[in-house]
């Protein structure tokens, strides 16, 4: 009997991470399509066994204690050719994968156990009478193939506690991405693609709790990165996020003290629906803390990241305007947002020296540029034209080149502002477009766009 190819199995097999596991499951698929159904089931089980061994070794290499202990027992049995011990390891393998290695959930454990039981029926036909000889159906074999792939083979060995510990290590690593876009790409690729619901649920709780717990001071310093990570989880795993985060947020933050509550601002700024899940007492406490805190606390806790919450906008704006120009510039640099754009351009326009204009260009204008609209580009260029301490500063060209790149999305409506700027600067220098203060690099960018 020949069985036609099944596309979904082929797609799943291509997603198997481990090369040897993929080869073994492809052998099982080949046997299934060739009608060798008992051989197919035995090959599926072999692929499951190898994959658990492979994942255990990978986790052991990452320092997971349970995996290290398991691999040591396995290697010792292999080294001494202890057949009895190896049989015991295989017999208990699924329980080990569930309880110790945390590679599978209880439901997945039961699904894989059925594969193991059917493998025994296929491998030991002498243990049953001829009339009862096990005859697996094509549908049963296909089910075992799909379940082995979906429950185990396609997943990375980052489940349970080991995954959460690994995530903490990643966040604290110097190589962890520093931009919002980079962090979201990293989190999706490593922790969310083909991840299990149990891991996602635990990851959500860790991301929310980390900056608010005693003894997590290192993670506390990474709250913006954690907030961006949480936002990506919310976007990619919406159903799980709402099921887990909604009740968790409403309960957890009632118990967070005043000394740490301000840390929530980075999170509600990155994922605004969290604000709606906070209880009214927590919201009132947060507003009061914002009204009272000093500038250093505002910076440390990234309080102005919450400017996107309408209920907090007036309080934050009143707090911001209560500071002098120097303090405002510091806050703008730490927490650039759309609401700060007019203030940033105003501060830049009042630069009193070449060096000050260059400093403000780097610390205020460039951080704010991603939030510019076309009219903001025009106001910025007017500020340059109206202040010789800016237009004749040697570093202004670099600032404007960077602003041009960061505002490329609004270029269609901002082009006239840029063109007017280079034309006026060129006219001020005898109509010579190639002089440094005619900003030839901007003109070249406009011609190329």
Protein backbone atom coordinates (compact mmCIF):
# COMPACT_ATOMS: atom_id res chain seq x y z
CA UNK A 1 0.00 0.00 0.00
CA UNK A 2 1.34 3.42 -0.93
CA UNK A 3 0.26 6.52 0.95
CA UNK A 4 0.31 9.94 -0.69
CA UNK A 5 2.50 12.72 0.64
CA UNK A 6 0.96 14.93 3.31
CA UNK A 7 1.97 18.54 3.01
CA UNK A 8 1.53 19.55 6.66
CA UNK A 9 3.89 16.78 7.80
CA UNK A 10 6.50 17.90 5.28
CA UNK A 11 6.25 21.48 6.54
CA UNK A 12 6.56 20.40 10.17
CA UNK A 13 9.54 18.18 9.38
CA UNK A 14 11.36 21.12 7.79
CA UNK A 15 10.97 23.02 11.07
CA UNK A 16 12.82 20.38 13.14
CA UNK A 17 15.86 22.10 14.65
CA UNK A 18 18.20 19.17 15.21
CA UNK A 19 19.66 17.75 12.00
CA UNK A 20 19.75 14.14 13.20
CA UNK A 21 16.21 14.38 14.61
CA UNK A 22 15.06 15.66 11.23
CA UNK A 23 16.75 12.76 9.44
CA UNK A 24 15.16 10.23 11.79
CA UNK A 25 11.63 11.65 11.48
CA UNK A 26 12.02 11.77 7.70
CA UNK A 27 12.82 8.04 7.83
CA UNK A 28 9.56 7.56 9.70
CA UNK A 29 7.68 9.61 7.11
CA UNK A 30 9.21 7.56 4.30
CA UNK A 31 8.16 4.31 6.00
CA UNK A 32 4.65 5.69 6.51
CA UNK A 33 4.31 6.64 2.84
CA UNK A 34 5.65 3.25 1.80
CA UNK A 35 3.05 1.43 3.89
CA UNK A 36 5.56 0.09 6.44
CA UNK A 37 3.40 1.25 9.32
CA UNK A 38 5.04 -0.71 12.16
CA UNK A 39 8.47 0.47 11.03
CA UNK A 40 7.14 4.03 10.87
CA UNK A 41 5.98 3.95 14.49
CA UNK A 42 9.30 2.52 15.67
CA UNK A 43 11.16 5.22 13.72
CA UNK A 44 8.97 7.92 15.28
CA UNK A 45 9.91 6.69 18.74
CA UNK A 46 13.61 6.59 17.84
CA UNK A 47 13.34 10.23 16.69
CA UNK A 48 11.65 11.18 19.97
CA UNK A 49 14.35 9.47 22.05
CA UNK A 50 17.19 11.07 20.11
CA UNK A 51 15.59 14.50 20.25
CA UNK A 52 15.19 14.40 24.03
CA UNK A 53 18.80 13.31 24.40
CA UNK A 54 19.93 16.10 22.05
CA UNK A 55 17.92 18.77 23.87
CA UNK A 56 19.19 17.55 27.24
CA UNK A 57 22.79 17.95 26.04
CA UNK A 58 22.06 21.44 24.75
CA UNK A 59 20.48 22.47 28.05
CA UNK A 60 23.38 20.92 29.96
CA UNK A 61 25.73 23.09 27.90
CA UNK A 62 23.74 26.13 29.09
CA UNK A 63 24.28 25.13 32.73
CA UNK A 64 20.87 23.58 33.55
CA UNK A 65 21.44 21.39 36.62
CA UNK A 66 18.81 18.73 35.90
CA UNK A 67 20.06 18.32 32.34
CA UNK A 68 23.67 18.01 33.49
CA UNK A 69 22.74 15.24 35.93
CA UNK A 70 20.72 13.39 33.28
CA UNK A 71 23.47 13.60 30.65
CA UNK A 72 26.05 12.36 33.16
CA UNK A 73 23.89 9.29 33.89
CA UNK A 74 23.40 8.70 30.17
CA UNK A 75 27.08 9.02 29.29
CA UNK A 76 28.08 6.78 32.18
CA UNK A 77 25.69 4.05 31.02
CA UNK A 78 26.99 4.34 27.45
CA UNK A 79 30.62 4.29 28.54
CA UNK A 80 30.17 1.14 30.62
CA UNK A 81 27.78 -0.46 28.08
CA UNK A 82 25.29 -0.93 30.88
CA UNK A 83 22.29 -2.22 28.94
CA UNK A 84 20.04 -2.43 31.98
CA UNK A 85 20.75 1.17 32.94
CA UNK A 86 20.22 2.38 29.35
CA UNK A 87 16.90 0.53 29.18
CA UNK A 88 15.87 2.19 32.42
CA UNK A 89 16.76 5.62 31.09
CA UNK A 90 14.66 5.00 27.98
CA UNK A 91 11.77 3.57 30.00
CA UNK A 92 11.69 6.68 32.22
CA UNK A 93 12.60 9.11 29.44
CA UNK A 94 9.20 10.78 29.01
CA UNK A 95 8.79 11.27 32.75
CA UNK A 96 12.27 12.80 32.87
CA UNK A 97 11.42 15.09 29.95
CA UNK A 98 8.29 16.25 31.77
CA UNK A 99 9.41 16.55 35.38
CA UNK A 100 13.16 17.17 35.31
CA UNK A 101 14.01 18.70 31.94
CA UNK A 102 10.60 20.41 31.56
CA UNK A 103 10.64 19.87 27.81
CA UNK A 104 7.02 18.74 27.61
CA UNK A 105 3.79 19.51 29.44
CA UNK A 106 1.69 16.83 31.18
CA UNK A 107 -0.67 16.72 28.19
CA UNK A 108 2.23 16.34 25.75
CA UNK A 109 3.71 13.66 28.01
CA UNK A 110 0.54 11.58 27.65
CA UNK A 111 0.51 12.08 23.88
CA UNK A 112 4.11 10.92 23.54
CA UNK A 113 3.48 8.02 25.94
CA UNK A 114 0.94 6.60 23.49
CA UNK A 115 3.65 6.59 20.82
CA UNK A 116 5.94 4.71 23.22
CA UNK A 117 3.24 2.12 23.99
CA UNK A 118 2.50 1.53 20.31
CA UNK A 119 6.22 1.24 19.65
CA UNK A 120 6.37 -1.61 22.19
CA UNK A 121 3.48 -3.38 20.44
CA UNK A 122 5.31 -3.07 17.13
CA UNK A 123 8.72 -4.13 18.47
CA UNK A 124 7.55 -7.12 20.56
CA UNK A 125 4.83 -8.97 18.58
CA UNK A 126 5.74 -12.26 20.29
CA UNK A 127 4.20 -10.96 23.51
CA UNK A 128 0.69 -11.14 22.08
CA UNK A 129 -1.23 -13.90 20.28
CA UNK A 130 -1.30 -14.13 16.50
CA UNK A 131 -4.99 -13.24 16.44
CA UNK A 132 -4.23 -10.06 18.36
CA UNK A 133 -1.20 -9.01 16.29
CA UNK A 134 -1.03 -5.23 16.41
CA UNK A 135 -2.13 -3.68 13.11
CA UNK A 136 -1.63 0.11 13.19
CA UNK A 137 -3.80 2.09 10.81
CA UNK A 138 -2.41 4.80 8.49
CA UNK A 139 -4.39 7.41 10.44
CA UNK A 140 -2.81 6.28 13.72
CA UNK A 141 0.70 6.49 12.28
CA UNK A 142 0.01 9.88 10.78
CA UNK A 143 -1.28 11.08 14.17
CA UNK A 144 1.88 9.85 15.90
CA UNK A 145 4.05 11.65 13.33
CA UNK A 146 2.24 14.95 13.77
CA UNK A 147 2.18 14.72 17.56
CA UNK A 148 5.88 13.91 17.80
CA UNK A 149 6.66 16.92 15.62
CA UNK A 150 4.26 19.34 17.31
CA UNK A 151 4.90 18.30 20.91
CA UNK A 152 8.67 17.98 20.79
CA UNK A 153 10.75 17.94 17.63
CA UNK A 154 10.09 21.43 16.26
CA UNK A 155 10.61 23.20 19.59
CA UNK A 156 13.80 24.74 20.90
CA UNK A 157 15.11 23.24 24.16
CA UNK A 158 14.05 26.28 26.15
CA UNK A 159 11.09 25.23 28.20
CA UNK A 160 10.19 25.78 31.84
CA UNK A 161 12.68 27.18 34.31
CA UNK A 162 15.66 26.76 32.01
CA UNK A 163 14.05 29.03 29.42
CA UNK A 164 13.32 31.73 31.96
CA UNK A 165 16.84 31.56 33.35
CA UNK A 166 18.19 31.75 29.83
CA UNK A 167 16.06 34.81 29.11
CA UNK A 168 17.43 36.57 32.19
CA UNK A 169 20.96 35.76 31.06
CA UNK A 170 20.21 37.12 27.59
CA UNK A 171 18.80 40.40 28.90
CA UNK A 172 21.82 40.96 31.12
CA UNK A 173 24.27 40.04 28.38
CA UNK A 174 26.22 42.85 26.64
CA UNK A 175 25.15 41.39 23.30
CA UNK A 176 21.42 41.82 23.99
CA UNK A 177 19.93 44.26 21.42
CA UNK A 178 19.60 47.87 22.56
CA UNK A 179 16.90 49.11 20.16
CA UNK A 180 13.18 48.43 20.33
CA UNK A 181 13.15 46.89 16.85
CA UNK A 182 16.18 44.71 17.59
CA UNK A 183 14.76 43.46 20.89
CA UNK A 184 11.43 42.52 19.34
CA UNK A 185 13.15 40.62 16.53
CA UNK A 186 15.38 38.79 19.02
CA UNK A 187 12.56 37.84 21.39
CA UNK A 188 10.34 36.58 18.56
CA UNK A 189 13.06 34.50 16.94
CA UNK A 190 14.42 32.92 20.11
CA UNK A 191 11.47 32.67 22.50
CA UNK A 192 8.17 33.02 20.64
CA UNK A 193 8.47 31.21 17.32
CA UNK A 194 7.03 27.73 17.87
CA UNK A 195 7.06 28.28 21.64
CA UNK A 196 4.68 26.45 23.93
CA UNK A 197 1.86 28.21 25.74
CA UNK A 198 3.26 27.29 29.16
CA UNK A 199 6.57 29.01 28.39
CA UNK A 200 4.85 32.12 27.07
CA UNK A 201 2.65 32.33 30.17
CA UNK A 202 5.63 32.07 32.50
CA UNK A 203 7.64 34.54 30.43
CA UNK A 204 4.84 37.11 30.71
CA UNK A 205 4.87 36.85 34.50
CA UNK A 206 8.66 37.13 34.67
CA UNK A 207 8.72 40.19 32.42
CA UNK A 208 6.09 41.96 34.49
CA UNK A 209 7.43 41.04 37.93
CA UNK A 210 11.19 41.31 37.45
CA UNK A 211 11.78 45.04 38.12
CA UNK A 212 9.55 45.01 41.20
CA UNK A 213 11.09 42.18 43.22
CA UNK A 214 13.80 42.39 45.83
CA UNK A 215 17.09 40.91 44.68
CA UNK A 216 16.51 41.68 41.00
CA UNK A 217 18.46 44.94 40.90
CA UNK A 218 20.33 43.95 37.74
CA UNK A 219 17.09 43.34 35.86
CA UNK A 220 15.70 46.54 37.33
CA UNK A 221 18.27 48.45 35.29
CA UNK A 222 16.92 46.77 32.14
CA UNK A 223 13.27 47.72 32.58
CA UNK A 224 12.92 49.43 29.20
CA UNK A 225 14.31 46.36 27.45
CA UNK A 226 11.95 44.18 29.48
CA UNK A 227 9.04 46.47 28.58
CA UNK A 228 9.82 46.22 24.86
CA UNK A 229 10.11 42.45 25.19
CA UNK A 230 6.71 42.33 26.91
CA UNK A 231 5.18 44.44 24.16
CA UNK A 232 6.39 41.95 21.54
CA UNK A 233 4.90 39.06 23.51
CA UNK A 234 1.60 40.96 23.66
CA UNK A 235 1.66 41.52 19.90
CA UNK A 236 2.66 37.98 18.94
CA UNK A 237 0.75 36.01 21.60
CA UNK A 238 -2.29 38.21 22.13
CA UNK A 239 -4.65 35.57 23.49
CA UNK A 240 -2.22 34.21 26.08
CA UNK A 241 -1.11 37.71 27.03
CA UNK A 242 -4.64 38.85 27.82
CA UNK A 243 -5.50 35.65 29.67
CA UNK A 244 -2.40 35.82 31.86
CA UNK A 245 -1.56 39.52 32.17
CA UNK A 246 -5.01 40.98 32.84
CA UNK A 247 -5.70 39.19 36.17
CA UNK A 248 -2.01 39.14 37.11
CA UNK A 249 -1.54 42.91 36.70
CA UNK A 250 -4.69 43.77 38.63
CA UNK A 251 -3.48 41.74 41.63
CA UNK A 252 0.30 42.04 41.58
CA UNK A 253 0.74 45.82 41.59
CA UNK A 254 -1.51 46.34 44.60
CA UNK A 255 1.34 44.86 46.61
CA UNK A 256 4.20 46.86 45.06
CA UNK A 257 5.64 49.53 47.37
CA UNK A 258 6.07 53.20 46.56
CA UNK A 259 9.84 52.80 46.21
CA UNK A 260 9.37 50.62 43.11
CA UNK A 261 5.96 51.49 41.69
CA UNK A 262 7.34 54.21 39.37
CA UNK A 263 9.13 51.49 37.40
CA UNK A 264 5.78 50.60 35.87
CA UNK A 265 5.93 53.70 33.66
CA UNK A 266 8.25 52.04 31.14
CA UNK A 267 5.84 49.11 30.87
CA UNK A 268 2.61 51.04 30.44
CA UNK A 269 4.37 53.24 27.90
CA UNK A 270 5.42 50.21 25.84
CA UNK A 271 2.13 48.33 26.29
CA UNK A 272 -0.69 50.78 26.99
CA UNK A 273 -3.40 48.24 27.81
CA UNK A 274 -1.58 47.49 31.09
CA UNK A 275 -2.76 50.86 32.39
CA UNK A 276 -6.39 49.82 31.97
CA UNK A 277 -5.79 46.66 34.00
CA UNK A 278 -4.37 48.48 37.03
CA UNK A 279 -6.73 49.03 39.95
CA UNK A 280 -7.88 52.58 40.70
CA UNK A 281 -5.88 52.78 43.97
CA UNK A 282 -2.67 51.91 42.09
CA UNK A 283 -3.41 54.55 39.45
CA UNK A 284 -3.99 57.20 42.10
CA UNK A 285 -0.77 56.26 43.89
CA UNK A 286 1.19 56.50 40.65
CA UNK A 287 -0.13 59.97 39.84
CA UNK A 288 0.75 61.17 43.33
CA UNK A 289 4.26 59.75 43.10
CA UNK A 290 4.82 61.51 39.76
CA UNK A 291 3.71 64.81 41.24
CA UNK A 292 6.13 64.49 44.14
CA UNK A 293 9.26 62.88 42.70
CA UNK A 294 12.51 64.70 41.95
CA UNK A 295 14.15 64.94 38.55
CA UNK A 296 16.65 62.18 39.33
CA UNK A 297 13.78 59.82 40.16
CA UNK A 298 12.01 60.77 36.95
CA UNK A 299 15.11 59.86 34.97
CA UNK A 300 15.95 56.70 36.90
CA UNK A 301 12.44 55.28 36.61
CA UNK A 302 11.88 56.42 32.98
CA UNK A 303 8.65 58.05 34.11
CA UNK A 304 8.16 60.03 30.89
CA UNK A 305 7.90 56.79 28.90
CA UNK A 306 4.27 56.85 30.11
CA UNK A 307 3.46 60.04 28.18
CA UNK A 308 1.38 57.95 25.78
CA UNK A 309 -1.21 57.32 28.53
CA UNK A 310 -3.84 60.10 28.16
CA UNK A 311 -4.72 60.04 31.87
CA UNK A 312 -1.10 60.77 32.78
CA UNK A 313 -0.22 63.24 30.01
CA UNK A 314 -1.30 66.42 31.84
CA UNK A 315 0.46 65.40 35.05
CA UNK A 316 3.67 64.58 33.18
CA UNK A 317 3.55 67.77 31.14
CA UNK A 318 3.05 69.89 34.24
CA UNK A 319 5.97 68.13 35.86
CA UNK A 320 8.19 68.64 32.83
CA UNK A 321 7.45 72.34 32.47
CA UNK A 322 8.29 72.92 36.14
CA UNK A 323 11.99 72.35 35.37
CA UNK A 324 14.49 74.78 33.84
CA UNK A 325 15.95 74.47 30.35
CA UNK A 326 18.99 72.44 31.38
CA UNK A 327 16.88 69.93 33.30
CA UNK A 328 14.39 69.69 30.44
CA UNK A 329 17.21 68.87 28.03
CA UNK A 330 18.33 66.04 30.34
CA UNK A 331 14.82 64.58 30.45
CA UNK A 332 14.42 64.88 26.68
CA UNK A 333 17.62 62.95 26.14
CA UNK A 334 16.59 60.12 28.48
CA UNK A 335 12.95 59.81 27.41
CA UNK A 336 12.41 61.11 23.85
CA UNK A 337 8.77 61.07 22.84
CA UNK A 338 6.35 62.84 20.53
CA UNK A 339 5.10 65.16 23.25
CA UNK A 340 8.60 66.54 23.81
CA UNK A 341 9.29 67.48 20.18
CA UNK A 342 8.20 71.18 20.40
CA UNK A 343 10.20 71.67 23.59
CA UNK A 344 13.28 70.05 22.08
CA UNK A 345 13.21 72.28 19.00
CA UNK A 346 12.72 75.34 21.19
CA UNK A 347 15.71 74.42 23.37
CA UNK A 348 17.84 73.78 20.28
CA UNK A 349 16.86 77.07 18.66
CA UNK A 350 18.19 79.04 21.66
CA UNK A 351 21.72 77.56 21.52
CA UNK A 352 24.19 80.29 22.50
CA UNK A 353 27.41 78.89 21.01
CA UNK A 354 28.72 76.53 18.35
CA UNK A 355 29.63 73.87 20.90
CA UNK A 356 26.28 74.12 22.67
CA UNK A 357 24.38 73.76 19.40
CA UNK A 358 26.42 70.66 18.54
CA UNK A 359 25.79 69.17 21.98
CA UNK A 360 22.05 69.86 21.84
CA UNK A 361 21.90 68.50 18.31
CA UNK A 362 23.32 65.18 19.47
CA UNK A 363 21.57 64.89 22.84
CA UNK A 364 18.18 66.45 22.09
CA UNK A 365 17.45 66.72 18.36
CA UNK A 366 18.66 63.32 17.17
CA UNK A 367 16.88 61.34 19.94
CA UNK A 368 13.65 63.21 19.13
CA UNK A 369 13.96 62.96 15.32
CA UNK A 370 12.19 59.58 14.99
CA UNK A 371 9.11 61.30 16.45
CA UNK A 372 9.16 64.24 13.99
CA UNK A 373 6.35 65.03 11.61
CA UNK A 374 6.84 67.11 8.47
CA UNK A 375 6.02 70.40 10.23
CA UNK A 376 8.58 69.59 12.92
CA UNK A 377 11.24 69.24 10.23
CA UNK A 378 10.30 72.72 8.99
CA UNK A 379 10.49 74.21 12.49
CA UNK A 380 13.89 72.60 13.08
CA UNK A 381 15.31 73.95 9.83
CA UNK A 382 13.89 77.41 10.63
CA UNK A 383 15.77 77.21 13.94
CA UNK A 384 19.00 76.48 12.06
CA UNK A 385 18.42 79.31 9.60
CA UNK A 386 17.58 81.75 12.39
CA UNK A 387 20.60 81.08 14.60
CA UNK A 388 24.12 81.45 13.20
CA UNK A 389 25.49 79.60 16.22
CA UNK A 390 23.72 76.54 14.79
CA UNK A 391 24.01 77.03 11.03
CA UNK A 392 27.76 77.78 11.16
CA UNK A 393 28.65 75.09 13.71
CA UNK A 394 30.84 72.47 12.10
CA UNK A 395 28.82 69.62 13.63
CA UNK A 396 25.42 70.78 12.40
CA UNK A 397 25.86 69.09 9.04
CA UNK A 398 26.23 65.71 10.77
CA UNK A 399 23.17 66.40 12.92
CA UNK A 400 21.01 67.29 9.94
CA UNK A 401 22.27 64.31 7.93
CA UNK A 402 21.15 62.07 10.78
CA UNK A 403 17.79 63.84 11.09
CA UNK A 404 17.24 63.41 7.34
CA UNK A 405 17.72 59.64 7.67
CA UNK A 406 15.59 59.35 10.80
CA UNK A 407 12.70 61.29 9.22
CA UNK A 408 12.76 59.49 5.86
CA UNK A 409 9.19 58.28 6.45
CA UNK A 410 7.87 61.87 6.26
CA UNK A 411 10.14 62.98 3.39
CA UNK A 412 7.31 63.17 0.82
CA UNK A 413 5.65 65.93 2.87
CA UNK A 414 8.87 67.38 4.32
CA UNK A 415 10.78 67.64 1.04
CA UNK A 416 9.79 71.27 0.46
CA UNK A 417 11.19 72.24 3.88
CA UNK A 418 14.53 70.60 3.09
CA UNK A 419 14.68 72.14 -0.37
CA UNK A 420 13.91 75.60 0.95
CA UNK A 421 16.62 75.18 3.58
CA UNK A 422 19.43 74.25 1.19
CA UNK A 423 18.32 76.93 -1.29
CA UNK A 424 18.42 79.66 1.37
CA UNK A 425 21.78 78.50 2.73
CA UNK A 426 23.18 78.40 -0.79
CA UNK A 427 21.88 81.92 -1.48
CA UNK A 428 23.57 83.17 1.69
CA UNK A 429 26.89 81.93 0.28
CA UNK A 430 26.83 83.52 -3.15
CA UNK A 431 24.82 80.81 -4.81
CA UNK A 432 27.62 78.26 -4.47
CA UNK A 433 26.02 74.92 -3.65
CA UNK A 434 29.30 73.13 -2.87
CA UNK A 435 30.47 75.24 0.07
CA UNK A 436 30.27 73.45 3.44
CA UNK A 437 27.66 75.86 4.79
CA UNK A 438 25.40 75.30 1.77
CA UNK A 439 24.88 71.77 3.13
CA UNK A 440 25.73 69.88 -0.10
CA UNK A 441 25.16 66.50 1.56
CA UNK A 442 21.49 67.36 2.17
CA UNK A 443 21.11 68.53 -1.43
CA UNK A 444 22.64 65.26 -2.64
CA UNK A 445 20.23 63.25 -0.45
CA UNK A 446 17.29 65.19 -1.89
CA UNK A 447 18.46 64.55 -5.46
CA UNK A 448 18.92 60.85 -4.72
CA UNK A 449 15.57 60.40 -2.95
